[in-house]
Amino acid sequence: MTIRALLQRYVETVSVKKRSFLTEKLTIRALCNDPISNCYLSEFKPAVIAEYRDRRLKEVKPSTVNRQMSILKHCISIARSEWGIEISSNPFDVIKLPPLSEGRERRLKDGEWELIKLHAPKARNGLLLPIIEFAIETGMRQGEILGLRWENINFESRLAFLPLTKNGSSRKVPLSLRAVAILAGLQRDQTLVFPVCRKTLYSAWSSLMGRTGIEGLRFHDLRHEAISRFFERGLSLPEVAAISGHKSYKMLFRYTHMKPEEIALKLNW
């Protein structure tokens, strides 16, 4: 049996059950187009995998190689434990995966928030500024914000309920007074709180960055900004994790970039 045959079974029986199916399907397609997929299981040794890793690291980002190798590793594991395929050991157990990057450290710089508030109201889409402000106030992901429904907003308890999030579970996001004020200022004539598609938001954000002259700031960086602000306001690690939805504190730290100046102000003893 070849690695390609194994991957094809994996995508049809394992990947299809995942929320990330479409994305993972593309990753597996890329693997199947790579020469490594022609390798027979009997030949799939650590040295072959190491050669593949080193070759791919010269072609794509480490995160891409890490994702591809993780799928291959899980595929072999499932084949051994559930498909009755006799493989003495998983060769990935002795292979080092490419390390993840340290994560982006981009936060709003001095004057950038003022520029955004000045130019965002000029956008064709009047929801651009409310979406940006809501992202900073809640730390919610772009998809979570755009998928938020009015029926899942509880103004009395100041909570936004997300039935299904990226990590596969639901969560309740506490809303600040400012976040509630943003919602209160919106029309409620549609099911979605922010009836904007991803493509439209991407275009509006790109145009905004062009008008303001701000460089290197992505919409997802607003989540970094929000989480860092939560810590600067004194919230504990479990409290911030409950808001952001991170199940791993290690991953949460990748989104956290507190300003040293803010920490210094707290050391006045």
C-alpha atoms as a PDB file:
ATOM      1  CA  MET A   1       0.000   0.000   0.000  1.00  0.00           C
ATOM      2  CA  THR A   2       1.275   3.460  -0.874  1.00  0.00           C
ATOM      3  CA  ILE A   3       1.079   6.585   1.265  1.00  0.00           C
ATOM      4  CA  ARG A   4      -1.268   8.055  -1.355  1.00  0.00           C
ATOM      5  CA  ALA A   5      -3.747   5.191  -0.888  1.00  0.00           C
ATOM      6  CA  LEU A   6      -3.553   5.623   2.862  1.00  0.00           C
ATOM      7  CA  LEU A   7      -4.190   9.379   2.602  1.00  0.00           C
ATOM      8  CA  GLN A   8      -7.162   8.843   0.291  1.00  0.00           C
ATOM      9  CA  ARG A   9      -8.771   6.547   2.842  1.00  0.00           C
ATOM     10  CA  TYR A  10      -7.943   9.022   5.599  1.00  0.00           C
ATOM     11  CA  VAL A  11      -9.616  11.948   3.860  1.00  0.00           C
ATOM     12  CA  GLU A  12     -12.729   9.878   3.161  1.00  0.00           C
ATOM     13  CA  THR A  13     -13.128   8.448   6.654  1.00  0.00           C
ATOM     14  CA  VAL A  14     -11.365  10.781   9.090  1.00  0.00           C
ATOM     15  CA  SER A  15     -10.972  14.247   7.596  1.00  0.00           C
ATOM     16  CA  VAL A  16     -14.571  14.343   6.407  1.00  0.00           C
ATOM     17  CA  LYS A  17     -15.737  14.373  10.045  1.00  0.00           C
ATOM     18  CA  LYS A  18     -13.705  17.456  10.943  1.00  0.00           C
ATOM     19  CA  ARG A  19     -14.892  21.062  10.869  1.00  0.00           C
ATOM     20  CA  SER A  20     -11.664  21.861   9.015  1.00  0.00           C
ATOM     21  CA  PHE A  21     -12.459  19.268   6.329  1.00  0.00           C
ATOM     22  CA  LEU A  22     -12.213  21.573   3.306  1.00  0.00           C
ATOM     23  CA  THR A  23      -8.894  23.029   4.432  1.00  0.00           C
ATOM     24  CA  GLU A  24      -7.468  19.636   5.361  1.00  0.00           C
ATOM     25  CA  LYS A  25      -8.639  18.188   2.061  1.00  0.00           C
ATOM     26  CA  LEU A  26      -6.512  20.740   0.219  1.00  0.00           C
ATOM     27  CA  THR A  27      -3.505  19.900   2.385  1.00  0.00           C
ATOM     28  CA  ILE A  28      -3.924  16.191   1.676  1.00  0.00           C
ATOM     29  CA  ARG A  29      -4.298  16.908  -2.030  1.00  0.00           C
ATOM     30  CA  ALA A  30      -0.937  18.665  -1.925  1.00  0.00           C
ATOM     31  CA  LEU A  31       0.564  15.666  -0.133  1.00  0.00           C
ATOM     32  CA  CYS A  32      -0.838  13.303  -2.757  1.00  0.00           C
ATOM     33  CA  ASN A  33       0.794  15.398  -5.484  1.00  0.00           C
ATOM     34  CA  ASP A  34       4.151  15.173  -3.757  1.00  0.00           C
ATOM     35  CA  PRO A  35       6.594  12.355  -4.665  1.00  0.00           C
ATOM     36  CA  ILE A  36       6.468  11.110  -1.072  1.00  0.00           C
ATOM     37  CA  SER A  37       2.949   9.789  -1.684  1.00  0.00           C
ATOM     38  CA  ASN A  38       4.421   7.202  -4.088  1.00  0.00           C
ATOM     39  CA  CYS A  39       6.330   5.649  -1.224  1.00  0.00           C
ATOM     40  CA  TYR A  40       5.176   2.212  -0.044  1.00  0.00           C
ATOM     41  CA  LEU A  41       4.495   1.709   3.654  1.00  0.00           C
ATOM     42  CA  SER A  42       7.378  -0.746   3.845  1.00  0.00           C
ATOM     43  CA  GLU A  43       9.695   2.032   2.625  1.00  0.00           C
ATOM     44  CA  PHE A  44       8.244   4.800   4.794  1.00  0.00           C
ATOM     45  CA  LYS A  45      11.162   5.090   7.206  1.00  0.00           C
ATOM     46  CA  PRO A  46      12.347   8.000   9.405  1.00  0.00           C
ATOM     47  CA  ALA A  47      15.110   8.844   6.926  1.00  0.00           C
ATOM     48  CA  VAL A  48      12.547   9.239   4.117  1.00  0.00           C
ATOM     49  CA  ILE A  49      10.403  11.507   6.279  1.00  0.00           C
ATOM     50  CA  ALA A  50      13.394  13.582   7.360  1.00  0.00           C
ATOM     51  CA  GLU A  51      14.373  14.077   3.717  1.00  0.00           C
ATOM     52  CA  TYR A  52      10.824  15.162   2.909  1.00  0.00           C
ATOM     53  CA  ARG A  53      10.786  17.599   5.860  1.00  0.00           C
ATOM     54  CA  ASP A  54      14.094  19.213   4.923  1.00  0.00           C
ATOM     55  CA  ARG A  55      13.129  19.476   1.251  1.00  0.00           C
ATOM     56  CA  ARG A  56       9.755  21.073   1.986  1.00  0.00           C
ATOM     57  CA  LEU A  57      11.255  23.548   4.451  1.00  0.00           C
ATOM     58  CA  LYS A  58      13.152  25.023   1.507  1.00  0.00           C
ATOM     59  CA  GLU A  59       9.888  25.469  -0.421  1.00  0.00           C
ATOM     60  CA  VAL A  60       7.207  26.545   2.053  1.00  0.00           C
ATOM     61  CA  LYS A  61       6.772  27.963   5.547  1.00  0.00           C
ATOM     62  CA  PRO A  62       7.547  25.770   8.591  1.00  0.00           C
ATOM     63  CA  SER A  63       3.897  25.966   9.654  1.00  0.00           C
ATOM     64  CA  THR A  64       2.836  24.389   6.348  1.00  0.00           C
ATOM     65  CA  VAL A  65       5.344  21.553   6.713  1.00  0.00           C
ATOM     66  CA  ASN A  66       4.263  21.058  10.317  1.00  0.00           C
ATOM     67  CA  ARG A  67       0.618  20.786   9.266  1.00  0.00           C
ATOM     68  CA  GLN A  68       1.380  18.293   6.494  1.00  0.00           C
ATOM     69  CA  MET A  69       3.566  16.126   8.704  1.00  0.00           C
ATOM     70  CA  SER A  70       0.981  16.160  11.492  1.00  0.00           C
ATOM     71  CA  ILE A  71      -1.613  14.780   9.068  1.00  0.00           C
ATOM     72  CA  LEU A  72       0.774  12.076   7.890  1.00  0.00           C
ATOM     73  CA  LYS A  73       1.586  11.148  11.480  1.00  0.00           C
ATOM     74  CA  HIS A  74      -2.067  10.872  12.455  1.00  0.00           C
ATOM     75  CA  CYS A  75      -2.826   8.933   9.284  1.00  0.00           C
ATOM     76  CA  ILE A  76      -0.207   6.319  10.175  1.00  0.00           C
ATOM     77  CA  SER A  77      -1.494   6.194  13.747  1.00  0.00           C
ATOM     78  CA  ILE A  78      -5.091   5.568  12.620  1.00  0.00           C
ATOM     79  CA  ALA A  79      -3.937   2.918  10.155  1.00  0.00           C
ATOM     80  CA  ARG A  80      -2.161   1.030  12.959  1.00  0.00           C
ATOM     81  CA  SER A  81      -4.849   1.349  15.630  1.00  0.00           C
ATOM     82  CA  GLU A  82      -8.109   1.223  13.680  1.00  0.00           C
ATOM     83  CA  TRP A  83      -7.587  -0.113  10.173  1.00  0.00           C
ATOM     84  CA  GLY A  84      -5.738  -3.288  11.043  1.00  0.00           C
ATOM     85  CA  ILE A  85      -2.747  -2.388   8.896  1.00  0.00           C
ATOM     86  CA  GLU A  86       0.388  -3.988  10.277  1.00  0.00           C
ATOM     87  CA  ILE A  87       2.928  -1.259  10.869  1.00  0.00           C
ATOM     88  CA  SER A  88       5.482  -2.099  13.559  1.00  0.00           C
ATOM     89  CA  SER A  89       5.831   1.501  14.757  1.00  0.00           C
ATOM     90  CA  ASN A  90       4.987   5.024  13.731  1.00  0.00           C
ATOM     91  CA  PRO A  91       8.150   6.423  12.084  1.00  0.00           C
ATOM     92  CA  PHE A  92       7.099   9.940  13.106  1.00  0.00           C
ATOM     93  CA  ASP A  93       7.702   9.057  16.762  1.00  0.00           C
ATOM     94  CA  VAL A  94      11.429   9.605  16.233  1.00  0.00           C
ATOM     95  CA  ILE A  95      11.122  12.548  13.834  1.00  0.00           C
ATOM     96  CA  LYS A  96      11.277  16.141  15.012  1.00  0.00           C
ATOM     97  CA  LEU A  97       8.531  18.317  13.581  1.00  0.00           C
ATOM     98  CA  PRO A  98       9.441  21.850  12.451  1.00  0.00           C
ATOM     99  CA  PRO A  99       9.021  24.231  15.406  1.00  0.00           C
ATOM    100  CA  LEU A 100       6.145  26.679  15.313  1.00  0.00           C
ATOM    101  CA  SER A 101       7.022  30.318  14.906  1.00  0.00           C
ATOM    102  CA  GLU A 102       6.986  32.538  17.952  1.00  0.00           C
ATOM    103  CA  GLY A 103       3.816  34.153  16.671  1.00  0.00           C
ATOM    104  CA  ARG A 104       3.172  37.696  15.581  1.00  0.00           C
ATOM    105  CA  GLU A 105       3.845  40.485  18.020  1.00  0.00           C
ATOM    106  CA  ARG A 106       1.972  43.159  16.097  1.00  0.00           C
ATOM    107  CA  ARG A 107      -0.145  45.446  18.251  1.00  0.00           C
ATOM    108  CA  LEU A 108      -1.563  48.873  17.642  1.00  0.00           C
ATOM    109  CA  LYS A 109       1.166  51.493  17.700  1.00  0.00           C
ATOM    110  CA  ASP A 110       0.820  55.028  18.999  1.00  0.00           C
ATOM    111  CA  GLY A 111      -1.570  57.008  16.827  1.00  0.00           C
ATOM    112  CA  GLU A 112      -2.853  54.041  14.798  1.00  0.00           C
ATOM    113  CA  TRP A 113      -6.102  53.656  16.717  1.00  0.00           C
ATOM    114  CA  GLU A 114      -6.832  57.348  16.203  1.00  0.00           C
ATOM    115  CA  LEU A 115      -6.207  56.968  12.465  1.00  0.00           C
ATOM    116  CA  ILE A 116      -8.551  53.976  12.296  1.00  0.00           C
ATOM    117  CA  LYS A 117     -11.330  55.827  14.118  1.00  0.00           C
ATOM    118  CA  LEU A 118     -10.839  58.807  11.812  1.00  0.00           C
ATOM    119  CA  HIS A 119     -10.933  56.929   8.503  1.00  0.00           C
ATOM    120  CA  ALA A 120     -13.102  53.852   9.182  1.00  0.00           C
ATOM    121  CA  PRO A 121     -16.380  55.855   9.224  1.00  0.00           C
ATOM    122  CA  LYS A 122     -15.582  56.958   5.659  1.00  0.00           C
ATOM    123  CA  ALA A 123     -15.724  53.375   4.377  1.00  0.00           C
ATOM    124  CA  ARG A 124     -18.563  52.341   2.082  1.00  0.00           C
ATOM    125  CA  ASN A 125     -19.580  49.709   4.590  1.00  0.00           C
ATOM    126  CA  GLY A 126     -20.864  51.436   7.697  1.00  0.00           C
ATOM    127  CA  LEU A 127     -20.208  48.353   9.824  1.00  0.00           C
ATOM    128  CA  LEU A 128     -16.434  48.471   9.457  1.00  0.00           C
ATOM    129  CA  LEU A 129     -15.719  50.565  12.557  1.00  0.00           C
ATOM    130  CA  PRO A 130     -18.239  48.705  14.785  1.00  0.00           C
ATOM    131  CA  ILE A 131     -16.697  45.387  13.716  1.00  0.00           C
ATOM    132  CA  ILE A 132     -13.169  46.615  14.466  1.00  0.00           C
ATOM    133  CA  GLU A 133     -14.176  48.021  17.853  1.00  0.00           C
ATOM    134  CA  PHE A 134     -16.101  44.858  18.724  1.00  0.00           C
ATOM    135  CA  ALA A 135     -13.062  42.734  17.836  1.00  0.00           C
ATOM    136  CA  ILE A 136     -10.865  44.726  20.202  1.00  0.00           C
ATOM    137  CA  GLU A 137     -13.458  44.657  22.995  1.00  0.00           C
ATOM    138  CA  THR A 138     -14.131  40.919  22.816  1.00  0.00           C
ATOM    139  CA  GLY A 139     -11.052  39.236  21.345  1.00  0.00           C
ATOM    140  CA  MET A 140     -13.360  37.203  19.112  1.00  0.00           C
ATOM    141  CA  ARG A 141     -12.097  35.721  15.864  1.00  0.00           C
ATOM    142  CA  GLN A 142     -13.214  37.215  12.558  1.00  0.00           C
ATOM    143  CA  GLY A 143     -15.392  34.202  11.742  1.00  0.00           C
ATOM    144  CA  GLU A 144     -16.999  34.305  15.178  1.00  0.00           C
ATOM    145  CA  ILE A 145     -17.852  37.981  14.793  1.00  0.00           C
ATOM    146  CA  LEU A 146     -19.289  37.628  11.307  1.00  0.00           C
ATOM    147  CA  GLY A 147     -21.289  34.556  12.355  1.00  0.00           C
ATOM    148  CA  LEU A 148     -22.724  36.116  15.508  1.00  0.00           C
ATOM    149  CA  ARG A 149     -26.538  36.061  15.662  1.00  0.00           C
ATOM    150  CA  TRP A 150     -28.837  38.394  17.557  1.00  0.00           C
ATOM    151  CA  GLU A 151     -30.600  35.426  19.118  1.00  0.00           C
ATOM    152  CA  ASN A 152     -27.333  34.546  20.850  1.00  0.00           C
ATOM    153  CA  ILE A 153     -26.858  37.947  22.473  1.00  0.00           C
ATOM    154  CA  ASN A 154     -28.026  38.297  26.082  1.00  0.00           C
ATOM    155  CA  PHE A 155     -27.994  41.982  26.950  1.00  0.00           C
ATOM    156  CA  GLU A 156     -29.143  41.391  30.513  1.00  0.00           C
ATOM    157  CA  SER A 157     -26.252  39.099  31.430  1.00  0.00           C
ATOM    158  CA  ARG A 158     -23.892  40.760  28.913  1.00  0.00           C
ATOM    159  CA  LEU A 159     -22.951  37.564  27.142  1.00  0.00           C
ATOM    160  CA  ALA A 160     -22.497  36.498  23.517  1.00  0.00           C
ATOM    161  CA  PHE A 161     -23.045  32.788  22.975  1.00  0.00           C
ATOM    162  CA  LEU A 162     -21.000  31.055  20.276  1.00  0.00           C
ATOM    163  CA  PRO A 163     -22.578  27.632  19.561  1.00  0.00           C
ATOM    164  CA  LEU A 164     -19.589  26.295  17.638  1.00  0.00           C
ATOM    165  CA  THR A 165     -16.085  27.708  17.614  1.00  0.00           C
ATOM    166  CA  LYS A 166     -12.813  26.879  15.884  1.00  0.00           C
ATOM    167  CA  ASN A 167     -11.789  24.368  18.535  1.00  0.00           C
ATOM    168  CA  GLY A 168     -15.065  22.485  18.145  1.00  0.00           C
ATOM    169  CA  SER A 169     -16.808  23.582  21.333  1.00  0.00           C
ATOM    170  CA  SER A 170     -19.202  26.347  22.314  1.00  0.00           C
ATOM    171  CA  ARG A 171     -18.376  29.265  24.599  1.00  0.00           C
ATOM    172  CA  LYS A 172     -19.922  32.323  26.176  1.00  0.00           C
ATOM    173  CA  VAL A 173     -18.041  35.567  25.656  1.00  0.00           C
ATOM    174  CA  PRO A 174     -18.438  38.220  28.396  1.00  0.00           C
ATOM    175  CA  LEU A 175     -19.188  41.632  26.918  1.00  0.00           C
ATOM    176  CA  SER A 176     -17.707  44.862  28.205  1.00  0.00           C
ATOM    177  CA  LEU A 177     -19.924  47.912  28.589  1.00  0.00           C
ATOM    178  CA  ARG A 178     -18.376  49.304  25.413  1.00  0.00           C
ATOM    179  CA  ALA A 179     -19.131  46.086  23.520  1.00  0.00           C
ATOM    180  CA  VAL A 180     -22.752  46.274  24.653  1.00  0.00           C
ATOM    181  CA  ALA A 181     -22.921  49.923  23.555  1.00  0.00           C
ATOM    182  CA  ILE A 182     -21.597  48.951  20.097  1.00  0.00           C
ATOM    183  CA  LEU A 183     -24.321  46.305  19.744  1.00  0.00           C
ATOM    184  CA  ALA A 184     -26.988  48.678  21.011  1.00  0.00           C
ATOM    185  CA  GLY A 185     -26.134  51.101  18.233  1.00  0.00           C
ATOM    186  CA  LEU A 186     -26.722  48.565  15.454  1.00  0.00           C
ATOM    187  CA  GLN A 187     -29.886  47.787  13.517  1.00  0.00           C
ATOM    188  CA  ARG A 188     -31.512  44.453  14.311  1.00  0.00           C
ATOM    189  CA  ASP A 189     -33.373  43.845  11.077  1.00  0.00           C
ATOM    190  CA  GLN A 190     -31.307  40.795  10.081  1.00  0.00           C
ATOM    191  CA  THR A 191     -30.367  37.491  11.687  1.00  0.00           C
ATOM    192  CA  LEU A 192     -26.664  38.270  11.802  1.00  0.00           C
ATOM    193  CA  VAL A 193     -25.352  40.994  14.069  1.00  0.00           C
ATOM    194  CA  PHE A 194     -22.791  42.005  11.450  1.00  0.00           C
ATOM    195  CA  PRO A 195     -24.204  40.977   8.038  1.00  0.00           C
ATOM    196  CA  VAL A 196     -20.901  41.226   6.187  1.00  0.00           C
ATOM    197  CA  CYS A 197     -19.122  38.446   4.266  1.00  0.00           C
ATOM    198  CA  ARG A 198     -15.418  37.705   4.751  1.00  0.00           C
ATOM    199  CA  LYS A 199     -14.488  38.946   1.279  1.00  0.00           C
ATOM    200  CA  THR A 200     -16.213  42.280   1.861  1.00  0.00           C
ATOM    201  CA  LEU A 201     -14.526  42.737   5.236  1.00  0.00           C
ATOM    202  CA  TYR A 202     -11.142  41.854   3.768  1.00  0.00           C
ATOM    203  CA  SER A 203     -11.607  44.421   1.002  1.00  0.00           C
ATOM    204  CA  ALA A 204     -12.800  47.109   3.437  1.00  0.00           C
ATOM    205  CA  TRP A 205      -9.896  46.428   5.806  1.00  0.00           C
ATOM    206  CA  SER A 206      -7.339  46.565   2.989  1.00  0.00           C
ATOM    207  CA  SER A 207      -8.761  49.879   1.772  1.00  0.00           C
ATOM    208  CA  LEU A 208      -8.699  51.249   5.310  1.00  0.00           C
ATOM    209  CA  MET A 209      -5.047  50.336   5.754  1.00  0.00           C
ATOM    210  CA  GLY A 210      -4.323  52.095   2.470  1.00  0.00           C
ATOM    211  CA  ARG A 211      -6.113  55.289   3.515  1.00  0.00           C
ATOM    212  CA  THR A 212      -4.488  55.416   6.939  1.00  0.00           C
ATOM    213  CA  GLY A 213      -1.017  54.502   5.730  1.00  0.00           C
ATOM    214  CA  ILE A 214      -0.775  51.857   8.467  1.00  0.00           C
ATOM    215  CA  GLU A 215       1.619  49.081   7.494  1.00  0.00           C
ATOM    216  CA  GLY A 216       1.796  45.476   8.622  1.00  0.00           C
ATOM    217  CA  LEU A 217      -1.461  45.374  10.576  1.00  0.00           C
ATOM    218  CA  ARG A 218      -3.826  42.480   9.867  1.00  0.00           C
ATOM    219  CA  PHE A 219      -7.387  42.166  11.074  1.00  0.00           C
ATOM    220  CA  HIS A 220      -6.395  39.091  13.093  1.00  0.00           C
ATOM    221  CA  ASP A 221      -3.890  41.258  14.976  1.00  0.00           C
ATOM    222  CA  LEU A 222      -6.877  42.864  16.692  1.00  0.00           C
ATOM    223  CA  ARG A 223      -7.300  39.581  18.573  1.00  0.00           C
ATOM    224  CA  HIS A 224      -3.700  39.898  19.792  1.00  0.00           C
ATOM    225  CA  GLU A 225      -4.465  43.467  20.831  1.00  0.00           C
ATOM    226  CA  ALA A 226      -7.616  42.470  22.708  1.00  0.00           C
ATOM    227  CA  ILE A 227      -6.041  39.561  24.595  1.00  0.00           C
ATOM    228  CA  SER A 228      -3.024  41.643  25.555  1.00  0.00           C
ATOM    229  CA  ARG A 229      -5.331  44.375  26.851  1.00  0.00           C
ATOM    230  CA  PHE A 230      -7.241  41.839  28.958  1.00  0.00           C
ATOM    231  CA  PHE A 231      -4.028  40.948  30.766  1.00  0.00           C
ATOM    232  CA  GLU A 232      -3.020  44.595  31.116  1.00  0.00           C
ATOM    233  CA  ARG A 233      -6.366  45.267  32.776  1.00  0.00           C
ATOM    234  CA  GLY A 234      -5.550  42.669  35.411  1.00  0.00           C
ATOM    235  CA  LEU A 235      -7.550  39.657  34.278  1.00  0.00           C
ATOM    236  CA  SER A 236      -6.160  36.282  35.295  1.00  0.00           C
ATOM    237  CA  LEU A 237      -4.960  33.602  32.900  1.00  0.00           C
ATOM    238  CA  PRO A 238      -8.091  31.412  33.373  1.00  0.00           C
ATOM    239  CA  GLU A 239     -10.331  34.460  32.906  1.00  0.00           C
ATOM    240  CA  VAL A 240      -8.673  35.464  29.647  1.00  0.00           C
ATOM    241  CA  ALA A 241      -8.758  31.854  28.422  1.00  0.00           C
ATOM    242  CA  ALA A 242     -12.493  31.739  29.148  1.00  0.00           C
ATOM    243  CA  ILE A 243     -12.991  34.846  26.993  1.00  0.00           C
ATOM    244  CA  SER A 244     -10.683  33.895  24.133  1.00  0.00           C
ATOM    245  CA  GLY A 245     -11.604  30.216  24.010  1.00  0.00           C
ATOM    246  CA  HIS A 246      -8.021  28.938  24.175  1.00  0.00           C
ATOM    247  CA  LYS A 247      -7.801  25.435  25.634  1.00  0.00           C
ATOM    248  CA  SER A 248      -4.029  25.546  25.806  1.00  0.00           C
ATOM    249  CA  TYR A 249      -2.286  28.215  27.844  1.00  0.00           C
ATOM    250  CA  LYS A 250       0.737  27.741  25.591  1.00  0.00           C
ATOM    251  CA  MET A 251      -1.304  28.832  22.565  1.00  0.00           C
ATOM    252  CA  LEU A 252      -2.798  31.701  24.557  1.00  0.00           C
ATOM    253  CA  PHE A 253       0.660  33.061  25.298  1.00  0.00           C
ATOM    254  CA  ARG A 254       1.318  33.163  21.542  1.00  0.00           C
ATOM    255  CA  TYR A 255      -1.471  35.745  21.312  1.00  0.00           C
ATOM    256  CA  THR A 256      -0.275  37.765  24.272  1.00  0.00           C
ATOM    257  CA  HIS A 257       2.141  40.644  23.915  1.00  0.00           C
ATOM    258  CA  MET A 258       1.947  42.919  26.910  1.00  0.00           C
ATOM    259  CA  LYS A 259       3.689  46.247  26.645  1.00  0.00           C
ATOM    260  CA  PRO A 260       6.760  46.384  28.920  1.00  0.00           C
ATOM    261  CA  GLU A 261       5.902  50.021  29.687  1.00  0.00           C
ATOM    262  CA  GLU A 262       2.536  48.949  31.140  1.00  0.00           C
ATOM    263  CA  ILE A 263       4.177  46.283  33.282  1.00  0.00           C
ATOM    264  CA  ALA A 264       6.753  48.790  34.557  1.00  0.00           C
ATOM    265  CA  LEU A 265       3.977  51.044  35.855  1.00  0.00           C
ATOM    266  CA  LYS A 266       2.759  48.189  38.034  1.00  0.00           C
ATOM    267  CA  LEU A 267       6.151  47.809  39.694  1.00  0.00           C
ATOM    268  CA  ASN A 268       5.850  50.963  41.749  1.00  0.00           C
ATOM    269  CA  TRP A 269       6.541  49.393  45.122  1.00  0.00           C
END
